[in-house]
Amino acid sequence: MNLKIFYQNIKKIDKFNPHSFVGKFILQGVWSDIDYWGLDSDLVKIYKHYKNKELPKDIFAGIVSIMTDICGICEKSEIYIDNEYYLKNDDGVIPDLYSRYERLKVLCECIVYKHEFECIDFWYNPKDKFNEIS
């Protein structure tokens, strides 16, 4: 399983890339949708692969690191959204920063706690939502 993007987003290891989603977020104050969906894709791979298996320590530690770096930012009003790539909801509402945080937080929790992810309806989805989990 190729998790290159996942490992590039873990600040505490040598594979960390300052141009990754987490890198841009913590160093520039930018939520890049394009970079987020790359990380999301790897997180979904992890979710599927380890859904009924024990999560390796390095992956667990990586998820904790990502969550700490992203959700630990107190002043979210200083974060701006770049490279927007999302699906509007049925009412045409554009997802805000908090909808983006929610998706990342819930996906990581589903991986760690083995909760169902497929049935959750998010306001923040990729434009190609129907290819996301299947």
C-alpha atoms as a PDB file:
ATOM      1  CA  MET A   1       0.000   0.000   0.000  1.00  0.00           C
ATOM      2  CA  ASN A   2       1.518   3.293  -1.114  1.00  0.00           C
ATOM      3  CA  LEU A   3       1.101   5.918   1.627  1.00  0.00           C
ATOM      4  CA  LYS A   4       3.674   8.419   0.371  1.00  0.00           C
ATOM      5  CA  ILE A   5       1.357  11.417   0.793  1.00  0.00           C
ATOM      6  CA  PHE A   6       0.375  10.328   4.309  1.00  0.00           C
ATOM      7  CA  TYR A   7       4.004  10.150   5.444  1.00  0.00           C
ATOM      8  CA  GLN A   8       4.840  13.501   3.805  1.00  0.00           C
ATOM      9  CA  ASN A   9       2.228  15.080   6.087  1.00  0.00           C
ATOM     10  CA  ILE A  10       3.778  13.881   9.357  1.00  0.00           C
ATOM     11  CA  LYS A  11       5.848  16.734  10.716  1.00  0.00           C
ATOM     12  CA  LYS A  12       7.846  14.623  13.153  1.00  0.00           C
ATOM     13  CA  ILE A  13       9.533  12.300  10.606  1.00  0.00           C
ATOM     14  CA  ASP A  14      12.214  12.650   7.919  1.00  0.00           C
ATOM     15  CA  LYS A  15       9.709  12.163   5.080  1.00  0.00           C
ATOM     16  CA  PHE A  16       7.859  15.373   6.026  1.00  0.00           C
ATOM     17  CA  ASN A  17       7.400  17.718   3.071  1.00  0.00           C
ATOM     18  CA  PRO A  18       6.867  21.430   3.809  1.00  0.00           C
ATOM     19  CA  HIS A  19       4.853  21.603   0.553  1.00  0.00           C
ATOM     20  CA  SER A  20       2.400  18.924   1.759  1.00  0.00           C
ATOM     21  CA  PHE A  21      -1.076  19.737   3.066  1.00  0.00           C
ATOM     22  CA  VAL A  22       0.130  19.846   6.690  1.00  0.00           C
ATOM     23  CA  GLY A  23       3.272  21.740   5.689  1.00  0.00           C
ATOM     24  CA  LYS A  24       1.283  24.468   3.931  1.00  0.00           C
ATOM     25  CA  PHE A  25      -1.194  24.571   6.783  1.00  0.00           C
ATOM     26  CA  ILE A  26       1.282  25.051   9.623  1.00  0.00           C
ATOM     27  CA  LEU A  27       3.924  27.069   7.749  1.00  0.00           C
ATOM     28  CA  GLN A  28       1.716  29.285   5.564  1.00  0.00           C
ATOM     29  CA  GLY A  29      -1.715  29.214   7.232  1.00  0.00           C
ATOM     30  CA  VAL A  30      -3.275  27.704   4.089  1.00  0.00           C
ATOM     31  CA  TRP A  31      -5.846  24.925   3.754  1.00  0.00           C
ATOM     32  CA  SER A  32      -5.193  23.626   0.225  1.00  0.00           C
ATOM     33  CA  ASP A  33      -8.130  21.543  -0.983  1.00  0.00           C
ATOM     34  CA  ILE A  34      -6.037  19.874  -3.689  1.00  0.00           C
ATOM     35  CA  ASP A  35      -3.382  18.835  -1.168  1.00  0.00           C
ATOM     36  CA  TYR A  36      -6.031  17.845   1.384  1.00  0.00           C
ATOM     37  CA  TRP A  37      -7.717  15.429  -1.039  1.00  0.00           C
ATOM     38  CA  GLY A  38      -4.363  13.691  -1.587  1.00  0.00           C
ATOM     39  CA  LEU A  39      -4.040  13.158   2.169  1.00  0.00           C
ATOM     40  CA  ASP A  40      -7.719  12.191   2.430  1.00  0.00           C
ATOM     41  CA  SER A  41      -7.170   9.543  -0.256  1.00  0.00           C
ATOM     42  CA  ASP A  42      -4.338   7.964   1.745  1.00  0.00           C
ATOM     43  CA  LEU A  43      -6.399   8.145   4.943  1.00  0.00           C
ATOM     44  CA  VAL A  44      -9.269   6.351   3.175  1.00  0.00           C
ATOM     45  CA  LYS A  45      -6.783   3.659   2.029  1.00  0.00           C
ATOM     46  CA  ILE A  46      -5.674   3.268   5.654  1.00  0.00           C
ATOM     47  CA  TYR A  47      -9.301   3.120   6.798  1.00  0.00           C
ATOM     48  CA  LYS A  48     -10.169   0.372   4.305  1.00  0.00           C
ATOM     49  CA  HIS A  49      -7.014  -1.678   4.878  1.00  0.00           C
ATOM     50  CA  TYR A  50      -7.061  -1.567   8.687  1.00  0.00           C
ATOM     51  CA  LYS A  51     -10.818  -1.514   9.223  1.00  0.00           C
ATOM     52  CA  ASN A  52     -10.743  -4.980  10.784  1.00  0.00           C
ATOM     53  CA  LYS A  53      -7.055  -5.110  11.705  1.00  0.00           C
ATOM     54  CA  GLU A  54      -4.813  -3.637  14.329  1.00  0.00           C
ATOM     55  CA  LEU A  55      -3.429  -0.249  13.339  1.00  0.00           C
ATOM     56  CA  PRO A  56       0.400  -0.184  13.205  1.00  0.00           C
ATOM     57  CA  LYS A  57       2.041   2.157  15.705  1.00  0.00           C
ATOM     58  CA  ASP A  58       3.663   4.339  13.022  1.00  0.00           C
ATOM     59  CA  ILE A  59       0.317   4.961  11.326  1.00  0.00           C
ATOM     60  CA  PHE A  60      -1.398   5.649  14.646  1.00  0.00           C
ATOM     61  CA  ALA A  61       1.380   8.086  15.599  1.00  0.00           C
ATOM     62  CA  GLY A  62       1.092   9.731  12.168  1.00  0.00           C
ATOM     63  CA  ILE A  63      -2.642  10.256  12.579  1.00  0.00           C
ATOM     64  CA  VAL A  64      -2.101  11.756  16.033  1.00  0.00           C
ATOM     65  CA  SER A  65       0.595  14.060  14.626  1.00  0.00           C
ATOM     66  CA  ILE A  66      -1.633  15.236  11.765  1.00  0.00           C
ATOM     67  CA  MET A  67      -4.591  15.809  14.078  1.00  0.00           C
ATOM     68  CA  THR A  68      -2.436  17.738  16.542  1.00  0.00           C
ATOM     69  CA  ASP A  69      -0.954  19.922  13.810  1.00  0.00           C
ATOM     70  CA  ILE A  70      -4.264  20.678  12.093  1.00  0.00           C
ATOM     71  CA  CYS A  71      -6.895  20.652  14.814  1.00  0.00           C
ATOM     72  CA  GLY A  72      -4.554  22.109  17.420  1.00  0.00           C
ATOM     73  CA  ILE A  73      -4.488  25.500  15.689  1.00  0.00           C
ATOM     74  CA  CYS A  74      -6.446  27.815  17.963  1.00  0.00           C
ATOM     75  CA  GLU A  75      -6.814  30.836  15.683  1.00  0.00           C
ATOM     76  CA  LYS A  76      -8.680  29.324  12.757  1.00  0.00           C
ATOM     77  CA  SER A  77      -9.762  32.748  11.493  1.00  0.00           C
ATOM     78  CA  GLU A  78      -6.207  33.274  10.220  1.00  0.00           C
ATOM     79  CA  ILE A  79      -6.349  30.193   7.960  1.00  0.00           C
ATOM     80  CA  TYR A  80      -7.365  30.775   4.361  1.00  0.00           C
ATOM     81  CA  ILE A  81      -8.555  28.265   1.776  1.00  0.00           C
ATOM     82  CA  ASP A  82      -6.591  27.804  -1.456  1.00  0.00           C
ATOM     83  CA  ASN A  83      -6.832  25.519  -4.505  1.00  0.00           C
ATOM     84  CA  GLU A  84     -10.537  25.026  -3.857  1.00  0.00           C
ATOM     85  CA  TYR A  85     -11.855  21.665  -5.026  1.00  0.00           C
ATOM     86  CA  TYR A  86     -15.122  20.499  -3.492  1.00  0.00           C
ATOM     87  CA  LEU A  87     -18.674  19.444  -4.258  1.00  0.00           C
ATOM     88  CA  LYS A  88     -21.423  21.897  -3.242  1.00  0.00           C
ATOM     89  CA  ASN A  89     -24.140  20.293  -1.152  1.00  0.00           C
ATOM     90  CA  ASP A  90     -27.727  19.863  -2.386  1.00  0.00           C
ATOM     91  CA  ASP A  91     -28.607  23.395  -1.263  1.00  0.00           C
ATOM     92  CA  GLY A  92     -25.644  24.873  -3.136  1.00  0.00           C
ATOM     93  CA  VAL A  93     -23.862  25.702   0.118  1.00  0.00           C
ATOM     94  CA  ILE A  94     -20.088  26.031  -0.098  1.00  0.00           C
ATOM     95  CA  PRO A  95     -18.308  24.175   2.732  1.00  0.00           C
ATOM     96  CA  ASP A  96     -16.542  26.448   5.203  1.00  0.00           C
ATOM     97  CA  LEU A  97     -13.293  25.840   7.057  1.00  0.00           C
ATOM     98  CA  TYR A  98     -15.090  24.139   9.949  1.00  0.00           C
ATOM     99  CA  SER A  99     -16.738  21.641   7.557  1.00  0.00           C
ATOM    100  CA  ARG A 100     -13.267  20.839   6.269  1.00  0.00           C
ATOM    101  CA  TYR A 101     -11.930  20.316   9.807  1.00  0.00           C
ATOM    102  CA  GLU A 102     -14.901  18.106  10.626  1.00  0.00           C
ATOM    103  CA  ARG A 103     -14.224  15.734   7.739  1.00  0.00           C
ATOM    104  CA  LEU A 104     -10.554  15.299   8.674  1.00  0.00           C
ATOM    105  CA  LYS A 105     -11.362  14.851  12.361  1.00  0.00           C
ATOM    106  CA  VAL A 106     -14.137  12.300  11.768  1.00  0.00           C
ATOM    107  CA  LEU A 107     -12.113  10.338   9.198  1.00  0.00           C
ATOM    108  CA  CYS A 108      -9.181  10.060  11.601  1.00  0.00           C
ATOM    109  CA  GLU A 109     -11.495   9.047  14.447  1.00  0.00           C
ATOM    110  CA  CYS A 110     -13.098   6.370  12.242  1.00  0.00           C
ATOM    111  CA  ILE A 111      -9.653   4.933  11.481  1.00  0.00           C
ATOM    112  CA  VAL A 112      -8.525   4.878  15.105  1.00  0.00           C
ATOM    113  CA  TYR A 113     -11.798   3.794  16.737  1.00  0.00           C
ATOM    114  CA  LYS A 114     -12.964   1.486  13.890  1.00  0.00           C
ATOM    115  CA  HIS A 115     -16.207   3.408  13.333  1.00  0.00           C
ATOM    116  CA  GLU A 116     -18.132   3.303  10.052  1.00  0.00           C
ATOM    117  CA  PHE A 117     -17.044   6.008   7.621  1.00  0.00           C
ATOM    118  CA  GLU A 118     -19.035   5.065   4.518  1.00  0.00           C
ATOM    119  CA  CYS A 119     -22.410   6.185   5.893  1.00  0.00           C
ATOM    120  CA  ILE A 120     -21.403   9.665   7.048  1.00  0.00           C
ATOM    121  CA  ASP A 121     -22.747  12.535   4.976  1.00  0.00           C
ATOM    122  CA  PHE A 122     -20.287  15.436   4.990  1.00  0.00           C
ATOM    123  CA  TRP A 123     -20.742  18.978   3.725  1.00  0.00           C
ATOM    124  CA  TYR A 124     -17.154  18.850   2.458  1.00  0.00           C
ATOM    125  CA  ASN A 125     -16.695  16.281  -0.299  1.00  0.00           C
ATOM    126  CA  PRO A 126     -14.469  15.978  -3.355  1.00  0.00           C
ATOM    127  CA  LYS A 127     -16.025  16.822  -6.713  1.00  0.00           C
ATOM    128  CA  ASP A 128     -15.841  13.121  -7.566  1.00  0.00           C
ATOM    129  CA  LYS A 129     -17.544  12.031  -4.329  1.00  0.00           C
ATOM    130  CA  PHE A 130     -18.962   8.803  -5.705  1.00  0.00           C
ATOM    131  CA  ASN A 131     -15.481   7.383  -6.337  1.00  0.00           C
ATOM    132  CA  GLU A 132     -14.261   8.273  -2.850  1.00  0.00           C
ATOM    133  CA  ILE A 133     -15.011   5.160  -0.749  1.00  0.00           C
ATOM    134  CA  SER A 134     -16.031   2.454  -3.201  1.00  0.00           C
END
